[in-house]
Amino acid sequence: MSFPLNLPDWMWLYFGAFGTAGVVLFIMVMWSWTKYQALVDGSVRSASRWNAIGYLLLFFAQWSVCGIGGPPGNMLSSDASTHNLNRAIQAASLGILFSVPGWVCLLVGQRKLLGGVRSAEDG
């Protein structure tokens, strides 16, 4: 893998700042989720677990897609010799591979939560 040293400064700053913010926010979401899990049960707990898995998969998707512009795909590099189309396609494929199941898990979690709300209203 060739690592381009001539990437624009804005790109290092952009990916560094937002990548770090994404990791910190994801950790905060998971931290809040673990505290929430201890307080709920039944369908709400199940829905919460599905949503956590969905968030995890979407985080993986977002992280994979970074490989299109930066290493290993390097498609944002001004040096065309460092572009790696195959690796960029792999990164994009991983993004979709994680994204679709992530959205499915979020949908299942939302449906379970709705089912729990409906059963609480009936009972």
N, C-alpha and C. Protein backbone atom coordinates (compact mmCIF):
# COMPACT_ATOMS: atom_id res chain seq x y z
N MET A 1 0.86 -1.18 0.00
CA MET A 1 0.00 0.00 0.00
C MET A 1 0.89 1.23 0.00
N SER A 2 0.65 2.13 -0.92
CA SER A 2 1.41 3.38 -0.93
C SER A 2 0.64 4.43 -0.15
N PHE A 3 1.34 5.10 0.73
CA PHE A 3 0.73 6.10 1.59
C PHE A 3 1.15 7.47 1.08
N PRO A 4 0.21 8.25 0.51
CA PRO A 4 0.58 9.54 -0.06
C PRO A 4 0.91 10.56 1.03
N LEU A 5 2.04 11.18 0.91
CA LEU A 5 2.42 12.20 1.87
C LEU A 5 1.97 13.58 1.43
N ASN A 6 1.51 13.70 0.20
CA ASN A 6 1.15 15.00 -0.34
C ASN A 6 -0.36 15.27 -0.30
N LEU A 7 -1.07 14.65 0.64
CA LEU A 7 -2.48 14.96 0.78
C LEU A 7 -2.62 16.38 1.31
N PRO A 8 -3.67 17.07 0.92
CA PRO A 8 -3.84 18.46 1.39
C PRO A 8 -4.00 18.51 2.91
N ASP A 9 -3.51 19.60 3.50
CA ASP A 9 -3.59 19.77 4.96
C ASP A 9 -5.02 19.72 5.45
N TRP A 10 -5.96 20.29 4.67
CA TRP A 10 -7.36 20.31 5.11
C TRP A 10 -7.89 18.90 5.29
N MET A 11 -7.39 17.96 4.46
CA MET A 11 -7.88 16.60 4.55
C MET A 11 -7.43 15.93 5.84
N TRP A 12 -6.19 16.13 6.22
CA TRP A 12 -5.70 15.56 7.48
C TRP A 12 -6.49 16.13 8.65
N LEU A 13 -6.72 17.44 8.61
CA LEU A 13 -7.47 18.09 9.67
C LEU A 13 -8.92 17.60 9.69
N TYR A 14 -9.53 17.54 8.53
CA TYR A 14 -10.93 17.13 8.42
C TYR A 14 -11.13 15.71 8.93
N PHE A 15 -10.38 14.76 8.37
CA PHE A 15 -10.53 13.36 8.77
C PHE A 15 -10.09 13.14 10.21
N GLY A 16 -9.05 13.84 10.63
CA GLY A 16 -8.59 13.71 12.01
C GLY A 16 -9.61 14.23 13.01
N ALA A 17 -10.13 15.42 12.76
CA ALA A 17 -11.09 16.03 13.69
C ALA A 17 -12.41 15.26 13.71
N PHE A 18 -12.95 15.00 12.55
CA PHE A 18 -14.25 14.33 12.51
C PHE A 18 -14.14 12.84 12.85
N GLY A 19 -13.03 12.22 12.51
CA GLY A 19 -12.82 10.83 12.90
C GLY A 19 -12.73 10.70 14.42
N THR A 20 -11.98 11.61 15.04
CA THR A 20 -11.87 11.60 16.50
C THR A 20 -13.21 11.91 17.14
N ALA A 21 -13.92 12.90 16.61
CA ALA A 21 -15.25 13.24 17.15
C ALA A 21 -16.21 12.06 17.00
N GLY A 22 -16.13 11.36 15.88
CA GLY A 22 -16.99 10.19 15.66
C GLY A 22 -16.72 9.10 16.67
N VAL A 23 -15.44 8.84 16.94
CA VAL A 23 -15.10 7.80 17.91
C VAL A 23 -15.57 8.19 19.31
N VAL A 24 -15.33 9.45 19.68
CA VAL A 24 -15.74 9.92 21.01
C VAL A 24 -17.27 9.86 21.15
N LEU A 25 -17.98 10.32 20.14
CA LEU A 25 -19.45 10.29 20.20
C LEU A 25 -19.97 8.85 20.24
N PHE A 26 -19.36 7.97 19.49
CA PHE A 26 -19.79 6.57 19.51
C PHE A 26 -19.57 5.97 20.89
N ILE A 27 -18.44 6.25 21.50
CA ILE A 27 -18.18 5.75 22.86
C ILE A 27 -19.19 6.32 23.84
N MET A 28 -19.53 7.59 23.69
CA MET A 28 -20.53 8.19 24.58
C MET A 28 -21.91 7.56 24.39
N VAL A 29 -22.28 7.26 23.16
CA VAL A 29 -23.57 6.61 22.90
C VAL A 29 -23.58 5.22 23.53
N MET A 30 -22.51 4.46 23.35
CA MET A 30 -22.46 3.12 23.93
C MET A 30 -22.42 3.18 25.46
N TRP A 31 -21.75 4.16 26.02
CA TRP A 31 -21.71 4.33 27.48
C TRP A 31 -23.12 4.62 28.01
N SER A 32 -23.82 5.52 27.34
CA SER A 32 -25.21 5.81 27.74
C SER A 32 -26.09 4.58 27.58
N TRP A 33 -25.86 3.83 26.52
CA TRP A 33 -26.65 2.62 26.28
C TRP A 33 -26.47 1.61 27.40
N THR A 34 -25.24 1.42 27.87
CA THR A 34 -25.01 0.45 28.94
C THR A 34 -25.72 0.86 30.22
N LYS A 35 -25.76 2.16 30.50
CA LYS A 35 -26.48 2.62 31.69
C LYS A 35 -27.99 2.43 31.50
N TYR A 36 -28.48 2.66 30.32
CA TYR A 36 -29.90 2.52 30.01
C TYR A 36 -30.34 1.07 30.10
N GLN A 37 -29.47 0.15 29.65
CA GLN A 37 -29.79 -1.28 29.66
C GLN A 37 -30.11 -1.78 31.07
N ALA A 38 -29.44 -1.21 32.06
CA ALA A 38 -29.65 -1.66 33.44
C ALA A 38 -31.01 -1.22 33.98
N LEU A 39 -31.63 -0.24 33.36
CA LEU A 39 -32.88 0.33 33.88
C LEU A 39 -34.14 -0.21 33.23
N VAL A 40 -34.01 -0.92 32.12
CA VAL A 40 -35.20 -1.35 31.37
C VAL A 40 -35.23 -2.86 31.25
N ASP A 41 -36.41 -3.38 30.90
CA ASP A 41 -36.54 -4.81 30.67
C ASP A 41 -37.59 -5.06 29.59
N GLY A 42 -37.78 -6.31 29.26
CA GLY A 42 -38.80 -6.67 28.28
C GLY A 42 -38.49 -6.22 26.87
N SER A 43 -39.53 -5.78 26.18
CA SER A 43 -39.38 -5.40 24.77
C SER A 43 -38.52 -4.16 24.60
N VAL A 44 -38.53 -3.28 25.60
CA VAL A 44 -37.68 -2.08 25.50
C VAL A 44 -36.21 -2.47 25.54
N ARG A 45 -35.88 -3.44 26.39
CA ARG A 45 -34.49 -3.91 26.47
C ARG A 45 -34.08 -4.59 25.16
N SER A 46 -34.97 -5.40 24.61
CA SER A 46 -34.69 -6.06 23.34
C SER A 46 -34.52 -5.04 22.22
N ALA A 47 -35.39 -4.06 22.18
CA ALA A 47 -35.30 -3.01 21.17
C ALA A 47 -33.99 -2.24 21.31
N SER A 48 -33.60 -1.98 22.53
CA SER A 48 -32.36 -1.27 22.79
C SER A 48 -31.15 -2.06 22.29
N ARG A 49 -31.18 -3.35 22.48
CA ARG A 49 -30.06 -4.19 22.00
C ARG A 49 -29.98 -4.19 20.47
N TRP A 50 -31.13 -4.31 19.82
CA TRP A 50 -31.15 -4.25 18.36
C TRP A 50 -30.61 -2.90 17.87
N ASN A 51 -31.02 -1.83 18.52
CA ASN A 51 -30.55 -0.51 18.13
C ASN A 51 -29.05 -0.36 18.35
N ALA A 52 -28.53 -0.90 19.44
CA ALA A 52 -27.09 -0.82 19.69
C ALA A 52 -26.30 -1.55 18.61
N ILE A 53 -26.79 -2.72 18.21
CA ILE A 53 -26.12 -3.46 17.12
C ILE A 53 -26.18 -2.65 15.83
N GLY A 54 -27.33 -2.04 15.56
CA GLY A 54 -27.47 -1.20 14.37
C GLY A 54 -26.52 -0.02 14.38
N TYR A 55 -26.39 0.65 15.53
CA TYR A 55 -25.45 1.77 15.63
C TYR A 55 -24.01 1.30 15.42
N LEU A 56 -23.68 0.14 15.96
CA LEU A 56 -22.34 -0.40 15.80
C LEU A 56 -22.04 -0.68 14.33
N LEU A 57 -22.99 -1.29 13.64
CA LEU A 57 -22.79 -1.58 12.22
C LEU A 57 -22.70 -0.30 11.38
N LEU A 58 -23.50 0.70 11.71
CA LEU A 58 -23.42 1.97 10.99
C LEU A 58 -22.10 2.68 11.26
N PHE A 59 -21.59 2.54 12.48
CA PHE A 59 -20.27 3.11 12.79
C PHE A 59 -19.19 2.43 11.95
N PHE A 60 -19.26 1.09 11.86
CA PHE A 60 -18.30 0.37 11.02
C PHE A 60 -18.41 0.82 9.56
N ALA A 61 -19.64 1.02 9.09
CA ALA A 61 -19.84 1.46 7.71
C ALA A 61 -19.20 2.82 7.48
N GLN A 62 -19.46 3.72 8.40
CA GLN A 62 -18.90 5.08 8.27
C GLN A 62 -17.38 5.03 8.29
N TRP A 63 -16.83 4.21 9.15
CA TRP A 63 -15.37 4.13 9.27
C TRP A 63 -14.77 3.51 8.01
N SER A 64 -15.43 2.53 7.43
CA SER A 64 -14.93 1.88 6.21
C SER A 64 -14.91 2.83 5.03
N VAL A 65 -15.92 3.66 4.94
CA VAL A 65 -16.03 4.57 3.79
C VAL A 65 -14.90 5.61 3.78
N CYS A 66 -14.30 5.87 4.93
CA CYS A 66 -13.16 6.80 4.97
C CYS A 66 -12.02 6.31 4.09
N GLY A 67 -11.94 5.00 3.86
CA GLY A 67 -10.88 4.43 3.04
C GLY A 67 -11.01 4.71 1.55
N ILE A 68 -12.06 5.37 1.15
CA ILE A 68 -12.19 5.74 -0.26
C ILE A 68 -11.30 6.94 -0.56
N GLY A 69 -11.46 8.00 0.21
CA GLY A 69 -10.69 9.22 -0.04
C GLY A 69 -9.28 9.17 0.49
N GLY A 70 -9.13 8.59 1.68
CA GLY A 70 -7.81 8.48 2.30
C GLY A 70 -7.28 7.08 2.10
N PRO A 71 -6.21 6.75 2.83
CA PRO A 71 -5.67 5.40 2.70
C PRO A 71 -6.71 4.37 3.09
N PRO A 72 -6.84 3.26 2.42
CA PRO A 72 -5.98 2.73 1.36
C PRO A 72 -6.39 3.14 -0.05
N GLY A 73 -7.57 3.73 -0.25
CA GLY A 73 -7.99 4.12 -1.61
C GLY A 73 -7.27 5.33 -2.15
N ASN A 74 -7.04 6.32 -1.29
CA ASN A 74 -6.30 7.54 -1.63
C ASN A 74 -6.87 8.31 -2.82
N MET A 75 -8.17 8.24 -3.02
CA MET A 75 -8.76 8.90 -4.19
C MET A 75 -8.74 10.43 -4.08
N LEU A 76 -8.53 10.98 -2.90
CA LEU A 76 -8.45 12.44 -2.75
C LEU A 76 -7.03 12.98 -2.94
N SER A 77 -6.08 12.10 -3.13
CA SER A 77 -4.70 12.53 -3.30
C SER A 77 -4.53 13.21 -4.66
N SER A 78 -3.73 14.27 -4.68
CA SER A 78 -3.45 14.95 -5.95
C SER A 78 -2.45 14.15 -6.78
N ASP A 79 -1.78 13.20 -6.18
CA ASP A 79 -0.83 12.34 -6.88
C ASP A 79 -1.56 11.11 -7.40
N ALA A 80 -1.81 11.06 -8.69
CA ALA A 80 -2.59 9.97 -9.28
C ALA A 80 -1.91 8.61 -9.11
N SER A 81 -0.60 8.58 -8.89
CA SER A 81 0.08 7.29 -8.74
C SER A 81 -0.27 6.60 -7.42
N THR A 82 -0.81 7.34 -6.47
CA THR A 82 -1.19 6.73 -5.19
C THR A 82 -2.65 6.27 -5.17
N HIS A 83 -3.42 6.62 -6.20
CA HIS A 83 -4.82 6.19 -6.27
C HIS A 83 -4.88 4.67 -6.39
N ASN A 84 -5.77 4.09 -5.64
CA ASN A 84 -5.93 2.63 -5.68
C ASN A 84 -7.42 2.35 -5.81
N LEU A 85 -7.87 2.25 -7.03
CA LEU A 85 -9.30 2.08 -7.32
C LEU A 85 -9.85 0.80 -6.70
N ASN A 86 -9.09 -0.27 -6.76
CA ASN A 86 -9.58 -1.54 -6.18
C ASN A 86 -9.82 -1.42 -4.69
N ARG A 87 -8.90 -0.77 -3.97
CA ARG A 87 -9.07 -0.60 -2.52
C ARG A 87 -10.22 0.37 -2.22
N ALA A 88 -10.40 1.38 -3.05
CA ALA A 88 -11.53 2.30 -2.86
C ALA A 88 -12.85 1.58 -3.06
N ILE A 89 -12.91 0.70 -4.05
CA ILE A 89 -14.12 -0.09 -4.29
C ILE A 89 -14.36 -1.04 -3.11
N GLN A 90 -13.30 -1.63 -2.58
CA GLN A 90 -13.44 -2.50 -1.40
C GLN A 90 -13.98 -1.71 -0.21
N ALA A 91 -13.48 -0.49 0.00
CA ALA A 91 -13.94 0.34 1.11
C ALA A 91 -15.42 0.69 0.92
N ALA A 92 -15.80 1.03 -0.30
CA ALA A 92 -17.20 1.35 -0.57
C ALA A 92 -18.09 0.13 -0.36
N SER A 93 -17.61 -1.03 -0.79
CA SER A 93 -18.37 -2.27 -0.60
C SER A 93 -18.54 -2.60 0.87
N LEU A 94 -17.49 -2.41 1.66
CA LEU A 94 -17.59 -2.64 3.10
C LEU A 94 -18.59 -1.68 3.73
N GLY A 95 -18.59 -0.43 3.25
CA GLY A 95 -19.55 0.54 3.76
C GLY A 95 -20.98 0.08 3.56
N ILE A 96 -21.28 -0.42 2.37
CA ILE A 96 -22.62 -0.93 2.09
C ILE A 96 -22.89 -2.21 2.87
N LEU A 97 -21.88 -3.09 2.94
CA LEU A 97 -22.02 -4.35 3.66
C LEU A 97 -22.41 -4.14 5.12
N PHE A 98 -21.84 -3.13 5.76
CA PHE A 98 -22.18 -2.83 7.16
C PHE A 98 -23.42 -1.95 7.27
N SER A 99 -23.64 -1.09 6.31
CA SER A 99 -24.74 -0.13 6.39
C SER A 99 -26.11 -0.79 6.31
N VAL A 100 -26.31 -1.65 5.34
CA VAL A 100 -27.63 -2.25 5.16
C VAL A 100 -28.07 -3.06 6.38
N PRO A 101 -27.23 -3.96 6.91
CA PRO A 101 -27.67 -4.67 8.13
C PRO A 101 -27.84 -3.72 9.32
N GLY A 102 -27.06 -2.65 9.35
CA GLY A 102 -27.23 -1.67 10.42
C GLY A 102 -28.60 -1.03 10.40
N TRP A 103 -29.05 -0.66 9.20
CA TRP A 103 -30.39 -0.07 9.09
C TRP A 103 -31.46 -1.10 9.39
N VAL A 104 -31.23 -2.36 9.00
CA VAL A 104 -32.19 -3.42 9.32
C VAL A 104 -32.31 -3.58 10.83
N CYS A 105 -31.18 -3.60 11.53
CA CYS A 105 -31.21 -3.72 12.99
C CYS A 105 -31.94 -2.54 13.64
N LEU A 106 -31.72 -1.35 13.14
CA LEU A 106 -32.44 -0.19 13.68
C LEU A 106 -33.93 -0.30 13.43
N LEU A 107 -34.30 -0.80 12.26
CA LEU A 107 -35.72 -0.99 11.96
C LEU A 107 -36.33 -2.03 12.91
N VAL A 108 -35.64 -3.14 13.12
CA VAL A 108 -36.15 -4.16 14.03
C VAL A 108 -36.28 -3.58 15.44
N GLY A 109 -35.28 -2.82 15.87
CA GLY A 109 -35.35 -2.20 17.18
C GLY A 109 -36.52 -1.24 17.32
N GLN A 110 -36.77 -0.45 16.29
CA GLN A 110 -37.90 0.47 16.32
C GLN A 110 -39.23 -0.28 16.36
N ARG A 111 -39.31 -1.36 15.60
CA ARG A 111 -40.55 -2.15 15.60
C ARG A 111 -40.79 -2.81 16.96
N LYS A 112 -39.72 -3.30 17.59
CA LYS A 112 -39.85 -3.91 18.91
C LYS A 112 -40.27 -2.86 19.95
N LEU A 113 -39.70 -1.67 19.82
CA LEU A 113 -40.07 -0.59 20.73
C LEU A 113 -41.53 -0.22 20.55
N LEU A 114 -41.97 -0.12 19.32
CA LEU A 114 -43.37 0.18 19.03
C LEU A 114 -44.29 -0.91 19.58
N GLY A 115 -43.89 -2.17 19.41
CA GLY A 115 -44.67 -3.27 19.96
C GLY A 115 -44.77 -3.19 21.47
N GLY A 116 -43.69 -2.80 22.13
CA GLY A 116 -43.71 -2.65 23.58
C GLY A 116 -44.60 -1.52 24.03
N VAL A 117 -44.60 -0.42 23.30
CA VAL A 117 -45.47 0.71 23.62
C VAL A 117 -46.92 0.32 23.44
N ARG A 118 -47.21 -0.39 22.35
CA ARG A 118 -48.59 -0.81 22.10
C ARG A 118 -49.09 -1.78 23.17
N SER A 119 -48.23 -2.72 23.60
CA SER A 119 -48.66 -3.67 24.62
C SER A 119 -48.83 -2.98 25.98
N ALA A 120 -48.04 -1.96 26.24
CA ALA A 120 -48.20 -1.21 27.49
C ALA A 120 -49.50 -0.42 27.49
N GLU A 121 -49.90 0.09 26.31
CA GLU A 121 -51.16 0.82 26.21
C GLU A 121 -52.34 -0.12 26.39
N ASP A 122 -52.23 -1.36 25.88
CA ASP A 122 -53.33 -2.33 25.99
C ASP A 122 -53.47 -2.87 27.42
N GLY A 123 -52.35 -2.92 28.13
CA GLY A 123 -52.39 -3.55 29.47
C GLY A 123 -52.58 -2.60 30.55
